[in-house]
Amino acid sequence: MGNTVRAWLDAVAAAIDKGMSSEQAQDKVTMADRYPEAARDQRMSGVIRMNVERLYEYLTKK
């Protein structure tokens, strides 16, 4: 489980490092390599977007 959490944190941190806004990160960080079925499942896609949004907020909190 730790590896999964680290993968999410790393993916969102990479988006932040590239200068992406939260909305851009939600569009680009799909985790499709880990969750290929998410592209076909609106609910799962929505959960991924929410996860990215929350992690973005956490990682950019000052």
C-alpha atoms as a PDB file:
ATOM      1  CA  MET A   1       0.000   0.000   0.000  1.00  0.00           C
ATOM      2  CA  GLY A   2       2.871   2.359   0.710  1.00  0.00           C
ATOM      3  CA  ASN A   3       4.054   2.004  -2.874  1.00  0.00           C
ATOM      4  CA  THR A   4       0.617   3.021  -4.142  1.00  0.00           C
ATOM      5  CA  VAL A   5       0.517   6.122  -1.956  1.00  0.00           C
ATOM      6  CA  ARG A   6       4.060   7.038  -3.020  1.00  0.00           C
ATOM      7  CA  ALA A   7       3.088   6.654  -6.706  1.00  0.00           C
ATOM      8  CA  TRP A   8       0.167   9.059  -6.256  1.00  0.00           C
ATOM      9  CA  LEU A   9       2.286  11.590  -4.373  1.00  0.00           C
ATOM     10  CA  ASP A  10       5.069  11.379  -6.962  1.00  0.00           C
ATOM     11  CA  ALA A  11       2.660  11.817  -9.882  1.00  0.00           C
ATOM     12  CA  VAL A  12       1.043  14.916  -8.399  1.00  0.00           C
ATOM     13  CA  ALA A  13       4.389  16.347  -7.261  1.00  0.00           C
ATOM     14  CA  ALA A  14       5.717  15.939 -10.814  1.00  0.00           C
ATOM     15  CA  ALA A  15       2.720  17.886 -12.140  1.00  0.00           C
ATOM     16  CA  ILE A  16       3.379  20.652  -9.615  1.00  0.00           C
ATOM     17  CA  ASP A  17       7.064  20.711 -10.583  1.00  0.00           C
ATOM     18  CA  LYS A  18       6.014  21.193 -14.220  1.00  0.00           C
ATOM     19  CA  GLY A  19       4.056  24.289 -13.165  1.00  0.00           C
ATOM     20  CA  MET A  20       0.593  22.803 -13.676  1.00  0.00           C
ATOM     21  CA  SER A  21      -2.409  24.290 -11.953  1.00  0.00           C
ATOM     22  CA  SER A  22      -4.681  22.010  -9.950  1.00  0.00           C
ATOM     23  CA  GLU A  23      -7.115  21.809 -12.859  1.00  0.00           C
ATOM     24  CA  GLN A  24      -4.336  20.955 -15.313  1.00  0.00           C
ATOM     25  CA  ALA A  25      -3.020  18.271 -12.968  1.00  0.00           C
ATOM     26  CA  GLN A  26      -6.504  16.771 -12.701  1.00  0.00           C
ATOM     27  CA  ASP A  27      -6.655  16.598 -16.489  1.00  0.00           C
ATOM     28  CA  LYS A  28      -3.149  15.171 -16.970  1.00  0.00           C
ATOM     29  CA  VAL A  29      -2.598  12.881 -13.961  1.00  0.00           C
ATOM     30  CA  THR A  30      -4.829   9.964 -14.861  1.00  0.00           C
ATOM     31  CA  MET A  31      -2.877   7.086 -13.297  1.00  0.00           C
ATOM     32  CA  ALA A  32      -3.822   5.160 -16.457  1.00  0.00           C
ATOM     33  CA  ASP A  33      -0.743   2.986 -16.134  1.00  0.00           C
ATOM     34  CA  ARG A  34      -1.996   1.719 -12.762  1.00  0.00           C
ATOM     35  CA  TYR A  35      -5.724   1.906 -13.468  1.00  0.00           C
ATOM     36  CA  PRO A  36      -6.334   1.398 -17.204  1.00  0.00           C
ATOM     37  CA  GLU A  37     -10.027   0.687 -16.633  1.00  0.00           C
ATOM     38  CA  ALA A  38     -10.524   4.202 -15.232  1.00  0.00           C
ATOM     39  CA  ALA A  39     -10.739   5.653 -18.726  1.00  0.00           C
ATOM     40  CA  ARG A  40     -13.916   3.627 -19.275  1.00  0.00           C
ATOM     41  CA  ASP A  41     -15.444   4.188 -15.841  1.00  0.00           C
ATOM     42  CA  GLN A  42     -16.752   7.700 -15.134  1.00  0.00           C
ATOM     43  CA  ARG A  43     -17.067   7.089 -11.421  1.00  0.00           C
ATOM     44  CA  MET A  44     -13.483   5.873 -11.069  1.00  0.00           C
ATOM     45  CA  SER A  45     -12.254   8.722 -13.255  1.00  0.00           C
ATOM     46  CA  GLY A  46     -14.027  11.134 -10.908  1.00  0.00           C
ATOM     47  CA  VAL A  47     -12.407   9.551  -7.856  1.00  0.00           C
ATOM     48  CA  ILE A  48      -8.980   9.891  -9.462  1.00  0.00           C
ATOM     49  CA  ARG A  49      -9.630  13.574 -10.208  1.00  0.00           C
ATOM     50  CA  MET A  50     -10.680  14.143  -6.574  1.00  0.00           C
ATOM     51  CA  ASN A  51      -7.566  12.353  -5.315  1.00  0.00           C
ATOM     52  CA  VAL A  52      -5.347  14.495  -7.520  1.00  0.00           C
ATOM     53  CA  GLU A  53      -7.107  17.655  -6.340  1.00  0.00           C
ATOM     54  CA  ARG A  54      -6.684  16.781  -2.647  1.00  0.00           C
ATOM     55  CA  LEU A  55      -3.043  15.770  -3.043  1.00  0.00           C
ATOM     56  CA  TYR A  56      -2.353  18.959  -4.995  1.00  0.00           C
ATOM     57  CA  GLU A  57      -3.853  20.990  -2.148  1.00  0.00           C
ATOM     58  CA  TYR A  58      -1.832  19.032   0.427  1.00  0.00           C
ATOM     59  CA  LEU A  59       1.450  19.344  -1.457  1.00  0.00           C
ATOM     60  CA  THR A  60       1.069  23.062  -2.160  1.00  0.00           C
ATOM     61  CA  LYS A  61      -0.183  24.016   1.303  1.00  0.00           C
ATOM     62  CA  LYS A  62       2.056  26.564   2.932  1.00  0.00           C
END
